Structures are given as C-alpha cells and as structure tokens.
Amino acid sequence: MRWPGRPRFWTVFNMFTGVARQHLPSGWAGEHPDLADTAHQLWADEISAFRTGWSRITAAA
C-alpha cells in the first residue's frame, strides 16, 4: 500500500474500522483509492475477525 504522504489520522482510523473513506475537516470525502481495493478488503476482514474474537474472549472473562 502506498501513501502520497503521511496519512491523516482519520484515514488510519478508518482502516481499523473497515471503512475506506476519508474524513476531512469539511466532512466525509470519497473512498481513498489505496483503501478501496481487494487487498484492503481482505485486510479489513482479518481485522474484523480479530475484533470479533477479542470481544468474545473479553466477554467470557
């Protein structure tokens, strides 16, 4: 994945939440071209599965 510069906080945050959109000071922008591809979707699915598994572990504790 390539970045045109340092990513904005909300771009990185959205990667962890599985959202491929950027948040700008004026509101939501369109999908980020580097985050809307298949590789990102696979990565987002893995993160989602991890979050689901982690929430089950913490709920059982």
PDB file of N, CA and C in Angstrom:
ATOM      1  N   MET A   1       0.852  -1.166   0.000  1.00  0.00           N
ATOM      2  CA  MET A   1       0.000   0.000   0.000  1.00  0.00           C
ATOM      3  C   MET A   1       0.902   1.234   0.000  1.00  0.00           C
ATOM      4  N   ARG A   2       0.628   2.169  -0.840  1.00  0.00           N
ATOM      5  CA  ARG A   2       1.459   3.366  -0.904  1.00  0.00           C
ATOM      6  C   ARG A   2       0.657   4.566  -0.409  1.00  0.00           C
ATOM      7  N   TRP A   3       1.340   5.462   0.220  1.00  0.00           N
ATOM      8  CA  TRP A   3       0.706   6.686   0.714  1.00  0.00           C
ATOM      9  C   TRP A   3       1.319   7.864  -0.021  1.00  0.00           C
ATOM     10  N   PRO A   4       0.518   8.834  -0.439  1.00  0.00           N
ATOM     11  CA  PRO A   4       1.065  10.012  -1.103  1.00  0.00           C
ATOM     12  C   PRO A   4       1.815  10.919  -0.136  1.00  0.00           C
ATOM     13  N   GLY A   5       1.777  10.639   1.090  1.00  0.00           N
ATOM     14  CA  GLY A   5       2.427  11.401   2.142  1.00  0.00           C
ATOM     15  C   GLY A   5       2.034  10.744   3.444  1.00  0.00           C
ATOM     16  N   ARG A   6       2.175  11.434   4.511  1.00  0.00           N
ATOM     17  CA  ARG A   6       1.759  10.880   5.788  1.00  0.00           C
ATOM     18  C   ARG A   6       0.235  10.824   5.839  1.00  0.00           C
ATOM     19  N   PRO A   7      -0.353   9.666   6.194  1.00  0.00           N
ATOM     20  CA  PRO A   7      -1.811   9.568   6.206  1.00  0.00           C
ATOM     21  C   PRO A   7      -2.428  10.388   7.334  1.00  0.00           C
ATOM     22  N   ARG A   8      -3.597  10.894   7.088  1.00  0.00           N
ATOM     23  CA  ARG A   8      -4.319  11.616   8.129  1.00  0.00           C
ATOM     24  C   ARG A   8      -4.787  10.628   9.186  1.00  0.00           C
ATOM     25  N   PHE A   9      -4.984  11.112  10.401  1.00  0.00           N
ATOM     26  CA  PHE A   9      -5.430  10.244  11.487  1.00  0.00           C
ATOM     27  C   PHE A   9      -6.690   9.487  11.114  1.00  0.00           C
ATOM     28  N   TRP A  10      -7.667  10.182  10.542  1.00  0.00           N
ATOM     29  CA  TRP A  10      -8.937   9.518  10.249  1.00  0.00           C
ATOM     30  C   TRP A  10      -8.799   8.484   9.153  1.00  0.00           C
ATOM     31  N   THR A  11      -7.859   8.635   8.259  1.00  0.00           N
ATOM     32  CA  THR A  11      -7.622   7.609   7.242  1.00  0.00           C
ATOM     33  C   THR A  11      -7.150   6.334   7.915  1.00  0.00           C
ATOM     34  N   VAL A  12      -6.206   6.453   8.840  1.00  0.00           N
ATOM     35  CA  VAL A  12      -5.710   5.288   9.560  1.00  0.00           C
ATOM     36  C   VAL A  12      -6.810   4.709  10.436  1.00  0.00           C
ATOM     37  N   PHE A  13      -7.557   5.560  11.139  1.00  0.00           N
ATOM     38  CA  PHE A  13      -8.654   5.089  11.977  1.00  0.00           C
ATOM     39  C   PHE A  13      -9.663   4.311  11.153  1.00  0.00           C
ATOM     40  N   ASN A  14      -9.991   4.822   9.983  1.00  0.00           N
ATOM     41  CA  ASN A  14     -10.963   4.150   9.130  1.00  0.00           C
ATOM     42  C   ASN A  14     -10.444   2.814   8.633  1.00  0.00           C
ATOM     43  N   MET A  15      -9.136   2.674   8.466  1.00  0.00           N
ATOM     44  CA  MET A  15      -8.578   1.387   8.079  1.00  0.00           C
ATOM     45  C   MET A  15      -8.889   0.350   9.149  1.00  0.00           C
ATOM     46  N   PHE A  16      -8.772   0.745  10.418  1.00  0.00           N
ATOM     47  CA  PHE A  16      -9.014  -0.198  11.500  1.00  0.00           C
ATOM     48  C   PHE A  16     -10.494  -0.492  11.690  1.00  0.00           C
ATOM     49  N   THR A  17     -11.346   0.359  11.241  1.00  0.00           N
ATOM     50  CA  THR A  17     -12.775   0.114  11.371  1.00  0.00           C
ATOM     51  C   THR A  17     -13.366  -0.471  10.102  1.00  0.00           C
ATOM     52  N   GLY A  18     -12.550  -0.692   9.104  1.00  0.00           N
ATOM     53  CA  GLY A  18     -13.017  -1.308   7.872  1.00  0.00           C
ATOM     54  C   GLY A  18     -13.689  -0.349   6.911  1.00  0.00           C
ATOM     55  N   VAL A  19     -13.509   0.932   7.131  1.00  0.00           N
ATOM     56  CA  VAL A  19     -14.122   1.931   6.264  1.00  0.00           C
ATOM     57  C   VAL A  19     -13.058   2.472   5.324  1.00  0.00           C
ATOM     58  N   ALA A  20     -13.378   2.562   4.054  1.00  0.00           N
ATOM     59  CA  ALA A  20     -12.393   3.023   3.075  1.00  0.00           C
ATOM     60  C   ALA A  20     -12.628   4.473   2.691  1.00  0.00           C
ATOM     61  N   ARG A  21     -13.209   5.254   3.589  1.00  0.00           N
ATOM     62  CA  ARG A  21     -13.462   6.658   3.286  1.00  0.00           C
ATOM     63  C   ARG A  21     -12.585   7.530   4.163  1.00  0.00           C
ATOM     64  N   GLN A  22     -12.312   8.705   3.686  1.00  0.00           N
ATOM     65  CA  GLN A  22     -11.504   9.663   4.432  1.00  0.00           C
ATOM     66  C   GLN A  22     -12.415  10.710   5.056  1.00  0.00           C
ATOM     67  N   HIS A  23     -12.032  11.161   6.229  1.00  0.00           N
ATOM     68  CA  HIS A  23     -12.757  12.254   6.862  1.00  0.00           C
ATOM     69  C   HIS A  23     -11.903  13.501   6.776  1.00  0.00           C
ATOM     70  N   LEU A  24     -12.447  14.525   6.164  1.00  0.00           N
ATOM     71  CA  LEU A  24     -11.754  15.801   6.018  1.00  0.00           C
ATOM     72  C   LEU A  24     -12.414  16.823   6.934  1.00  0.00           C
ATOM     73  N   PRO A  25     -11.771  17.956   7.186  1.00  0.00           N
ATOM     74  CA  PRO A  25     -12.394  18.978   8.028  1.00  0.00           C
ATOM     75  C   PRO A  25     -13.780  19.399   7.529  1.00  0.00           C
ATOM     76  N   SER A  26     -14.008  19.290   6.229  1.00  0.00           N
ATOM     77  CA  SER A  26     -15.304  19.698   5.679  1.00  0.00           C
ATOM     78  C   SER A  26     -16.332  18.567   5.677  1.00  0.00           C
ATOM     79  N   GLY A  27     -15.935  17.384   6.074  1.00  0.00           N
ATOM     80  CA  GLY A  27     -16.858  16.245   6.111  1.00  0.00           C
ATOM     81  C   GLY A  27     -16.242  15.019   5.462  1.00  0.00           C
ATOM     82  N   TRP A  28     -17.073  14.054   5.160  1.00  0.00           N
ATOM     83  CA  TRP A  28     -16.586  12.807   4.570  1.00  0.00           C
ATOM     84  C   TRP A  28     -16.226  13.002   3.106  1.00  0.00           C
ATOM     85  N   ALA A  29     -15.073  12.494   2.728  1.00  0.00           N
ATOM     86  CA  ALA A  29     -14.637  12.518   1.330  1.00  0.00           C
ATOM     87  C   ALA A  29     -14.982  11.173   0.695  1.00  0.00           C
ATOM     88  N   GLY A  30     -14.666  11.021  -0.566  1.00  0.00           N
ATOM     89  CA  GLY A  30     -14.900   9.757  -1.246  1.00  0.00           C
ATOM     90  C   GLY A  30     -13.959   8.674  -0.754  1.00  0.00           C
ATOM     91  N   GLU A  31     -14.094   7.500  -1.326  1.00  0.00           N
ATOM     92  CA  GLU A  31     -13.226   6.397  -0.940  1.00  0.00           C
ATOM     93  C   GLU A  31     -11.780   6.700  -1.304  1.00  0.00           C
ATOM     94  N   HIS A  32     -10.889   6.335  -0.419  1.00  0.00           N
ATOM     95  CA  HIS A  32      -9.465   6.507  -0.669  1.00  0.00           C
ATOM     96  C   HIS A  32      -9.042   5.445  -1.680  1.00  0.00           C
ATOM     97  N   PRO A  33      -8.371   5.820  -2.767  1.00  0.00           N
ATOM     98  CA  PRO A  33      -8.033   4.833  -3.803  1.00  0.00           C
ATOM     99  C   PRO A  33      -7.160   3.690  -3.296  1.00  0.00           C
ATOM    100  N   ASP A  34      -6.301   3.945  -2.322  1.00  0.00           N
ATOM    101  CA  ASP A  34      -5.443   2.887  -1.796  1.00  0.00           C
ATOM    102  C   ASP A  34      -6.164   1.995  -0.797  1.00  0.00           C
ATOM    103  N   LEU A  35      -7.331   2.401  -0.338  1.00  0.00           N
ATOM    104  CA  LEU A  35      -8.050   1.619   0.664  1.00  0.00           C
ATOM    105  C   LEU A  35      -9.276   0.925   0.104  1.00  0.00           C
ATOM    106  N   ALA A  36      -9.608   1.184  -1.136  1.00  0.00           N
ATOM    107  CA  ALA A  36     -10.829   0.634  -1.706  1.00  0.00           C
ATOM    108  C   ALA A  36     -10.583  -0.631  -2.522  1.00  0.00           C
ATOM    109  N   ASP A  37      -9.359  -1.124  -2.528  1.00  0.00           N
ATOM    110  CA  ASP A  37      -9.048  -2.287  -3.356  1.00  0.00           C
ATOM    111  C   ASP A  37      -9.270  -3.599  -2.611  1.00  0.00           C
ATOM    112  N   THR A  38      -9.085  -4.689  -3.308  1.00  0.00           N
ATOM    113  CA  THR A  38      -9.322  -6.016  -2.751  1.00  0.00           C
ATOM    114  C   THR A  38      -8.380  -6.325  -1.601  1.00  0.00           C
ATOM    115  N   ALA A  39      -7.125  -5.915  -1.710  1.00  0.00           N
ATOM    116  CA  ALA A  39      -6.167  -6.182  -0.638  1.00  0.00           C
ATOM    117  C   ALA A  39      -6.629  -5.544   0.660  1.00  0.00           C
ATOM    118  N   HIS A  40      -7.141  -4.333   0.589  1.00  0.00           N
ATOM    119  CA  HIS A  40      -7.640  -3.694   1.799  1.00  0.00           C
ATOM    120  C   HIS A  40      -8.838  -4.450   2.343  1.00  0.00           C
ATOM    121  N   GLN A  41      -9.725  -4.910   1.486  1.00  0.00           N
ATOM    122  CA  GLN A  41     -10.904  -5.631   1.957  1.00  0.00           C
ATOM    123  C   GLN A  41     -10.499  -6.908   2.685  1.00  0.00           C
ATOM    124  N   LEU A  42      -9.520  -7.625   2.152  1.00  0.00           N
ATOM    125  CA  LEU A  42      -9.041  -8.829   2.830  1.00  0.00           C
ATOM    126  C   LEU A  42      -8.457  -8.482   4.192  1.00  0.00           C
ATOM    127  N   TRP A  43      -7.685  -7.405   4.237  1.00  0.00           N
ATOM    128  CA  TRP A  43      -7.088  -6.968   5.496  1.00  0.00           C
ATOM    129  C   TRP A  43      -8.168  -6.534   6.483  1.00  0.00           C
ATOM    130  N   ALA A  44      -9.159  -5.812   5.995  1.00  0.00           N
ATOM    131  CA  ALA A  44     -10.252  -5.361   6.854  1.00  0.00           C
ATOM    132  C   ALA A  44     -11.039  -6.545   7.394  1.00  0.00           C
ATOM    133  N   ASP A  45     -11.218  -7.591   6.588  1.00  0.00           N
ATOM    134  CA  ASP A  45     -11.905  -8.797   7.056  1.00  0.00           C
ATOM    135  C   ASP A  45     -11.126  -9.476   8.173  1.00  0.00           C
ATOM    136  N   GLU A  46      -9.799  -9.514   8.051  1.00  0.00           N
ATOM    137  CA  GLU A  46      -8.977 -10.109   9.105  1.00  0.00           C
ATOM    138  C   GLU A  46      -9.078  -9.303  10.394  1.00  0.00           C
ATOM    139  N   ILE A  47      -9.027  -7.986  10.285  1.00  0.00           N
ATOM    140  CA  ILE A  47      -9.150  -7.134  11.471  1.00  0.00           C
ATOM    141  C   ILE A  47     -10.517  -7.322  12.111  1.00  0.00           C
ATOM    142  N   SER A  48     -11.553  -7.401  11.301  1.00  0.00           N
ATOM    143  CA  SER A  48     -12.903  -7.598  11.817  1.00  0.00           C
ATOM    144  C   SER A  48     -13.014  -8.931  12.554  1.00  0.00           C
ATOM    145  N   ALA A  49     -12.440  -9.984  11.989  1.00  0.00           N
ATOM    146  CA  ALA A  49     -12.466 -11.293  12.646  1.00  0.00           C
ATOM    147  C   ALA A  49     -11.705 -11.246  13.967  1.00  0.00           C
ATOM    148  N   PHE A  50     -10.580 -10.541  13.991  1.00  0.00           N
ATOM    149  CA  PHE A  50      -9.823 -10.399  15.231  1.00  0.00           C
ATOM    150  C   PHE A  50     -10.642  -9.665  16.286  1.00  0.00           C
ATOM    151  N   ARG A  51     -11.284  -8.555  15.886  1.00  0.00           N
ATOM    152  CA  ARG A  51     -12.086  -7.786  16.837  1.00  0.00           C
ATOM    153  C   ARG A  51     -13.233  -8.624  17.383  1.00  0.00           C
ATOM    154  N   THR A  52     -13.874  -9.421  16.526  1.00  0.00           N
ATOM    155  CA  THR A  52     -14.968 -10.280  16.971  1.00  0.00           C
ATOM    156  C   THR A  52     -14.460 -11.318  17.962  1.00  0.00           C
ATOM    157  N   GLY A  53     -13.348 -11.961  17.629  1.00  0.00           N
ATOM    158  CA  GLY A  53     -12.773 -12.953  18.533  1.00  0.00           C
ATOM    159  C   GLY A  53     -12.342 -12.345  19.854  1.00  0.00           C
ATOM    160  N   TRP A  54     -11.743 -11.167  19.793  1.00  0.00           N
ATOM    161  CA  TRP A  54     -11.295 -10.500  21.014  1.00  0.00           C
ATOM    162  C   TRP A  54     -12.481 -10.121  21.899  1.00  0.00           C
ATOM    163  N   SER A  55     -13.559  -9.650  21.302  1.00  0.00           N
ATOM    164  CA  SER A  55     -14.727  -9.283  22.110  1.00  0.00           C
ATOM    165  C   SER A  55     -15.341 -10.516  22.762  1.00  0.00           C
ATOM    166  N   ARG A  56     -15.286 -11.668  22.105  1.00  0.00           N
ATOM    167  CA  ARG A  56     -15.783 -12.914  22.714  1.00  0.00           C
ATOM    168  C   ARG A  56     -14.911 -13.332  23.888  1.00  0.00           C
ATOM    169  N   ILE A  57     -13.591 -13.176  23.734  1.00  0.00           N
ATOM    170  CA  ILE A  57     -12.674 -13.526  24.819  1.00  0.00           C
ATOM    171  C   ILE A  57     -12.914 -12.634  26.025  1.00  0.00           C
ATOM    172  N   THR A  58     -13.030 -11.332  25.796  1.00  0.00           N
ATOM    173  CA  THR A  58     -13.220 -10.416  26.927  1.00  0.00           C
ATOM    174  C   THR A  58     -14.597 -10.584  27.555  1.00  0.00           C
ATOM    175  N   ALA A  59     -15.604 -10.949  26.772  1.00  0.00           N
ATOM    176  CA  ALA A  59     -16.943 -11.172  27.331  1.00  0.00           C
ATOM    177  C   ALA A  59     -16.965 -12.425  28.199  1.00  0.00           C
ATOM    178  N   ALA A  60     -16.158 -13.425  27.856  1.00  0.00           N
ATOM    179  CA  ALA A  60     -16.124 -14.673  28.614  1.00  0.00           C
ATOM    180  C   ALA A  60     -15.290 -14.549  29.888  1.00  0.00           C
ATOM    181  N   ALA A  61     -14.466 -13.525  29.973  1.00  0.00           N
ATOM    182  CA  ALA A  61     -13.576 -13.374  31.140  1.00  0.00           C
ATOM    183  C   ALA A  61     -14.294 -12.831  32.346  1.00  0.00           C
TER     184      ALA A  61
END
